[in-house]
Structure formats: C-alpha cells, structure tokens
C-alpha cells in the first residue's frame, strides 16, 4: 500500500503530522479527508453513469458505433505542395 515505506518511515511521517497539526486537529483533518474521498467517488460514479446513459441512448437511437463509421476522406493536396517539391537531402 505504501510502496517501499517501512514501519519506521511511516511512524516518522505520523509523528511529523502530529507535531505540525496537534492532537486536536488530526481527527478534524481525517474527517475532511474522508469527506473529500467520498465526494470524489460520488462524482466519479455520476460521470460513469452519465457515460453509460449516453452509450445506451446511442444504441437505442440506432447510431452507428465509431468503428463502423466510414473512413474520413483525406483532403486534396494544396497547390503550393505541388509547386514546392520536398528539399533534397545531403549525403553524410
């Protein structure tokens, strides 16, 4: 979970946090952090649900999936591309 952090490194980080914020503020900070995580998860679920709804609506409407759309046409070469050939390269 913490990668290459060992027990002593984690304890040192917790000690620094305790010294910086004090024992009274740590529960408040942890609660705010938990609320932030919950809000983030809720928003991610909302976005996922919105995307799934859009996909369902496209299927119901009979829209062609992107991989079945005809390929895009390439633009015709411009006149200046034809008049200016590619520069010659020097041999090394």
N, C-alpha and C. Protein backbone atom coordinates (compact mmCIF):
# COMPACT_ATOMS: atom_id res chain seq x y z
N UNK A 1 0.81 -1.18 0.00
CA UNK A 1 0.00 0.00 0.00
C UNK A 1 0.86 1.26 0.00
N UNK A 2 1.92 1.25 0.75
CA UNK A 2 2.77 2.43 0.85
C UNK A 2 4.06 2.29 0.06
N UNK A 3 4.10 1.33 -0.85
CA UNK A 3 5.29 1.18 -1.69
C UNK A 3 6.46 0.66 -0.88
N UNK A 4 7.56 1.39 -0.93
CA UNK A 4 8.78 0.96 -0.25
C UNK A 4 8.94 1.56 1.13
N UNK A 5 7.88 2.17 1.68
CA UNK A 5 7.97 2.75 3.02
C UNK A 5 7.89 1.65 4.06
N UNK A 6 8.82 1.68 4.98
CA UNK A 6 8.82 0.72 6.07
C UNK A 6 8.07 1.26 7.27
N UNK A 7 8.05 0.47 8.31
CA UNK A 7 7.34 0.85 9.53
C UNK A 7 7.91 2.13 10.12
N UNK A 8 9.24 2.22 10.19
CA UNK A 8 9.85 3.40 10.81
C UNK A 8 9.57 4.67 10.01
N UNK A 9 9.57 4.58 8.68
CA UNK A 9 9.28 5.77 7.87
C UNK A 9 7.85 6.24 8.07
N UNK A 10 6.92 5.30 8.12
CA UNK A 10 5.51 5.65 8.34
C UNK A 10 5.33 6.29 9.72
N UNK A 11 5.99 5.73 10.73
CA UNK A 11 5.89 6.30 12.09
C UNK A 11 6.48 7.71 12.13
N UNK A 12 7.57 7.95 11.42
CA UNK A 12 8.17 9.29 11.37
C UNK A 12 7.22 10.28 10.70
N UNK A 13 6.56 9.88 9.64
CA UNK A 13 5.60 10.75 8.94
C UNK A 13 4.45 11.08 9.87
N UNK A 14 3.92 10.06 10.57
CA UNK A 14 2.82 10.30 11.50
C UNK A 14 3.24 11.21 12.65
N UNK A 15 4.46 11.08 13.13
CA UNK A 15 4.97 11.94 14.19
C UNK A 15 5.07 13.39 13.72
N UNK A 16 5.56 13.59 12.50
CA UNK A 16 5.65 14.95 11.95
C UNK A 16 4.26 15.55 11.80
N UNK A 17 3.31 14.77 11.33
CA UNK A 17 1.93 15.26 11.20
C UNK A 17 1.37 15.63 12.57
N UNK A 18 1.64 14.80 13.56
CA UNK A 18 1.18 15.09 14.93
C UNK A 18 1.79 16.38 15.45
N UNK A 19 3.08 16.58 15.21
CA UNK A 19 3.73 17.80 15.67
C UNK A 19 3.24 19.04 14.93
N UNK A 20 2.98 18.91 13.63
CA UNK A 20 2.54 20.06 12.84
C UNK A 20 1.12 20.50 13.19
N UNK A 21 0.21 19.54 13.31
CA UNK A 21 -1.20 19.88 13.45
C UNK A 21 -1.73 19.75 14.88
N UNK A 22 -1.09 18.99 15.71
CA UNK A 22 -1.57 18.80 17.07
C UNK A 22 -2.61 17.69 17.13
N UNK A 23 -2.78 17.18 18.33
CA UNK A 23 -3.68 16.03 18.52
C UNK A 23 -5.14 16.40 18.31
N UNK A 24 -5.51 17.66 18.57
CA UNK A 24 -6.91 18.05 18.45
C UNK A 24 -7.36 18.21 17.00
N UNK A 25 -6.45 18.61 16.13
CA UNK A 25 -6.83 18.87 14.73
C UNK A 25 -6.78 17.62 13.86
N UNK A 26 -6.08 16.58 14.26
CA UNK A 26 -5.93 15.38 13.42
C UNK A 26 -7.28 14.73 13.12
N UNK A 27 -8.19 14.54 14.09
CA UNK A 27 -9.50 13.95 13.73
C UNK A 27 -10.28 14.84 12.76
N UNK A 28 -10.17 16.15 12.93
CA UNK A 28 -10.86 17.07 12.02
C UNK A 28 -10.30 16.95 10.61
N UNK A 29 -8.99 16.87 10.49
CA UNK A 29 -8.35 16.73 9.18
C UNK A 29 -8.72 15.39 8.55
N UNK A 30 -8.72 14.33 9.35
CA UNK A 30 -9.07 13.00 8.83
C UNK A 30 -10.52 12.98 8.36
N UNK A 31 -11.42 13.64 9.10
CA UNK A 31 -12.82 13.70 8.69
C UNK A 31 -12.98 14.45 7.38
N UNK A 32 -12.27 15.57 7.24
CA UNK A 32 -12.33 16.33 5.99
C UNK A 32 -11.77 15.52 4.82
N UNK A 33 -10.70 14.78 5.10
CA UNK A 33 -10.11 13.93 4.07
C UNK A 33 -11.10 12.85 3.64
N UNK A 34 -11.77 12.24 4.60
CA UNK A 34 -12.77 11.20 4.30
C UNK A 34 -13.93 11.76 3.49
N UNK A 35 -14.40 12.96 3.85
CA UNK A 35 -15.48 13.59 3.09
C UNK A 35 -15.04 13.87 1.66
N UNK A 36 -13.80 14.31 1.50
CA UNK A 36 -13.29 14.57 0.16
C UNK A 36 -13.23 13.31 -0.68
N UNK A 37 -12.80 12.22 -0.08
CA UNK A 37 -12.74 10.93 -0.79
C UNK A 37 -14.15 10.49 -1.19
N UNK A 38 -15.11 10.60 -0.27
CA UNK A 38 -16.50 10.22 -0.58
C UNK A 38 -17.06 11.06 -1.72
N UNK A 39 -16.81 12.37 -1.68
CA UNK A 39 -17.30 13.27 -2.73
C UNK A 39 -16.67 12.91 -4.07
N UNK A 40 -15.38 12.61 -4.06
CA UNK A 40 -14.69 12.22 -5.30
C UNK A 40 -15.29 10.95 -5.88
N UNK A 41 -15.51 9.94 -5.05
CA UNK A 41 -16.10 8.68 -5.52
C UNK A 41 -17.50 8.91 -6.07
N UNK A 42 -18.28 9.74 -5.37
CA UNK A 42 -19.64 10.04 -5.83
C UNK A 42 -19.61 10.69 -7.20
N UNK A 43 -18.72 11.66 -7.38
CA UNK A 43 -18.63 12.34 -8.68
C UNK A 43 -18.15 11.38 -9.78
N UNK A 44 -17.22 10.49 -9.45
CA UNK A 44 -16.77 9.51 -10.44
C UNK A 44 -17.90 8.58 -10.84
N UNK A 45 -18.71 8.16 -9.88
CA UNK A 45 -19.86 7.31 -10.19
C UNK A 45 -20.87 8.05 -11.05
N UNK A 46 -21.09 9.34 -10.77
CA UNK A 46 -22.01 10.14 -11.58
C UNK A 46 -21.53 10.24 -13.02
N UNK A 47 -20.23 10.48 -13.21
CA UNK A 47 -19.68 10.58 -14.56
C UNK A 47 -19.81 9.25 -15.29
N UNK A 48 -19.49 8.16 -14.60
CA UNK A 48 -19.60 6.83 -15.20
C UNK A 48 -21.04 6.55 -15.60
N UNK A 49 -21.98 6.89 -14.73
CA UNK A 49 -23.39 6.68 -15.03
C UNK A 49 -23.82 7.52 -16.23
N UNK A 50 -23.36 8.78 -16.31
CA UNK A 50 -23.70 9.64 -17.44
C UNK A 50 -23.18 9.06 -18.76
N UNK A 51 -21.96 8.56 -18.74
CA UNK A 51 -21.38 7.98 -19.96
C UNK A 51 -22.16 6.73 -20.37
N UNK A 52 -22.49 5.89 -19.40
CA UNK A 52 -23.26 4.68 -19.72
C UNK A 52 -24.63 5.03 -20.26
N UNK A 53 -25.26 6.08 -19.72
CA UNK A 53 -26.55 6.52 -20.24
C UNK A 53 -26.44 6.99 -21.68
N UNK A 54 -25.38 7.74 -21.99
CA UNK A 54 -25.17 8.21 -23.36
C UNK A 54 -24.98 7.05 -24.32
N UNK A 55 -24.22 6.04 -23.90
CA UNK A 55 -23.99 4.87 -24.75
C UNK A 55 -25.30 4.14 -24.99
N UNK A 56 -26.10 4.00 -23.94
CA UNK A 56 -27.40 3.34 -24.08
C UNK A 56 -28.31 4.11 -25.04
N UNK A 57 -28.31 5.43 -24.93
CA UNK A 57 -29.15 6.25 -25.80
C UNK A 57 -28.69 6.13 -27.25
N UNK A 58 -27.37 6.06 -27.47
CA UNK A 58 -26.87 5.91 -28.84
C UNK A 58 -27.30 4.56 -29.42
N UNK A 59 -27.26 3.51 -28.61
CA UNK A 59 -27.66 2.19 -29.09
C UNK A 59 -29.15 2.15 -29.40
N UNK A 60 -29.93 2.78 -28.55
CA UNK A 60 -31.39 2.80 -28.77
C UNK A 60 -31.71 3.61 -30.01
N UNK A 61 -31.03 4.71 -30.23
CA UNK A 61 -31.30 5.58 -31.37
C UNK A 61 -30.79 4.97 -32.68
N UNK A 62 -30.04 3.89 -32.60
CA UNK A 62 -29.56 3.23 -33.81
C UNK A 62 -28.34 3.90 -34.42
N UNK A 63 -27.63 4.67 -33.64
CA UNK A 63 -26.44 5.32 -34.16
C UNK A 63 -25.36 4.27 -34.40
N UNK A 64 -24.60 4.47 -35.46
CA UNK A 64 -23.53 3.53 -35.79
C UNK A 64 -22.37 3.73 -34.82
N UNK A 65 -21.82 2.64 -34.30
CA UNK A 65 -20.64 2.78 -33.45
C UNK A 65 -19.49 3.41 -34.23
N UNK A 66 -18.57 3.99 -33.51
CA UNK A 66 -17.47 4.72 -34.15
C UNK A 66 -16.65 3.83 -35.09
N UNK A 67 -16.47 2.56 -34.74
CA UNK A 67 -15.65 1.70 -35.58
C UNK A 67 -16.38 1.30 -36.87
N UNK A 68 -17.68 1.55 -36.96
CA UNK A 68 -18.42 1.22 -38.18
C UNK A 68 -18.68 2.43 -39.05
N UNK A 69 -18.24 3.60 -38.63
CA UNK A 69 -18.41 4.79 -39.44
C UNK A 69 -17.49 4.72 -40.65
N UNK A 70 -17.88 5.33 -41.77
CA UNK A 70 -16.99 5.31 -42.94
C UNK A 70 -15.73 6.10 -42.65
N UNK A 71 -14.61 5.71 -43.27
CA UNK A 71 -13.35 6.42 -43.01
C UNK A 71 -13.44 7.86 -43.51
N UNK A 72 -12.75 8.73 -42.81
CA UNK A 72 -12.74 10.15 -43.19
C UNK A 72 -11.96 10.32 -44.49
N UNK A 73 -12.43 11.23 -45.31
CA UNK A 73 -11.73 11.49 -46.57
C UNK A 73 -10.51 12.33 -46.31
N UNK A 74 -9.45 12.04 -47.06
CA UNK A 74 -8.23 12.83 -46.94
C UNK A 74 -8.39 14.09 -47.76
N UNK A 75 -7.91 15.21 -47.24
CA UNK A 75 -8.02 16.45 -48.01
C UNK A 75 -7.12 16.39 -49.24
N UNK A 76 -7.59 17.03 -50.29
CA UNK A 76 -6.80 17.07 -51.53
C UNK A 76 -5.54 17.91 -51.29
N UNK A 77 -4.42 17.54 -51.95
CA UNK A 77 -3.19 18.33 -51.76
C UNK A 77 -3.38 19.75 -52.25
N UNK A 78 -2.77 20.66 -51.53
CA UNK A 78 -2.88 22.07 -51.91
C UNK A 78 -1.96 22.36 -53.08
N UNK A 79 -2.23 23.44 -53.79
CA UNK A 79 -1.45 23.79 -54.97
C UNK A 79 -0.01 24.09 -54.60
N UNK A 80 0.23 24.72 -53.47
CA UNK A 80 1.60 25.07 -53.13
C UNK A 80 2.43 23.84 -52.79
N UNK A 81 1.78 22.72 -52.35
CA UNK A 81 2.51 21.48 -52.11
C UNK A 81 3.06 20.92 -53.42
N UNK A 82 2.33 21.09 -54.50
CA UNK A 82 2.77 20.57 -55.78
C UNK A 82 3.85 21.44 -56.41
N UNK A 83 3.83 22.73 -56.14
CA UNK A 83 4.82 23.62 -56.76
C UNK A 83 6.13 23.63 -56.00
N UNK A 84 6.11 23.29 -54.74
CA UNK A 84 7.33 23.27 -53.94
C UNK A 84 7.66 21.83 -53.57
N UNK A 85 8.53 21.19 -54.34
CA UNK A 85 8.87 19.80 -54.02
C UNK A 85 9.67 19.74 -52.70
N UNK A 86 9.75 18.56 -52.16
CA UNK A 86 10.49 18.36 -50.93
C UNK A 86 11.96 18.65 -51.16
N UNK A 87 12.65 19.32 -50.24
CA UNK A 87 14.06 19.66 -50.44
C UNK A 87 14.92 18.41 -50.49
N UNK A 88 15.99 18.50 -51.28
CA UNK A 88 16.92 17.37 -51.40
C UNK A 88 17.76 17.28 -50.15
N UNK A 89 18.13 16.06 -49.80
CA UNK A 89 18.94 15.85 -48.60
C UNK A 89 20.38 15.59 -49.01
N UNK A 90 21.30 16.10 -48.22
CA UNK A 90 22.71 15.89 -48.46
C UNK A 90 23.12 14.53 -47.91
N UNK A 91 24.04 13.89 -48.62
CA UNK A 91 24.54 12.61 -48.14
C UNK A 91 25.57 12.87 -47.05
N UNK A 92 25.58 12.03 -46.03
CA UNK A 92 26.55 12.24 -44.95
C UNK A 92 27.78 11.39 -45.12
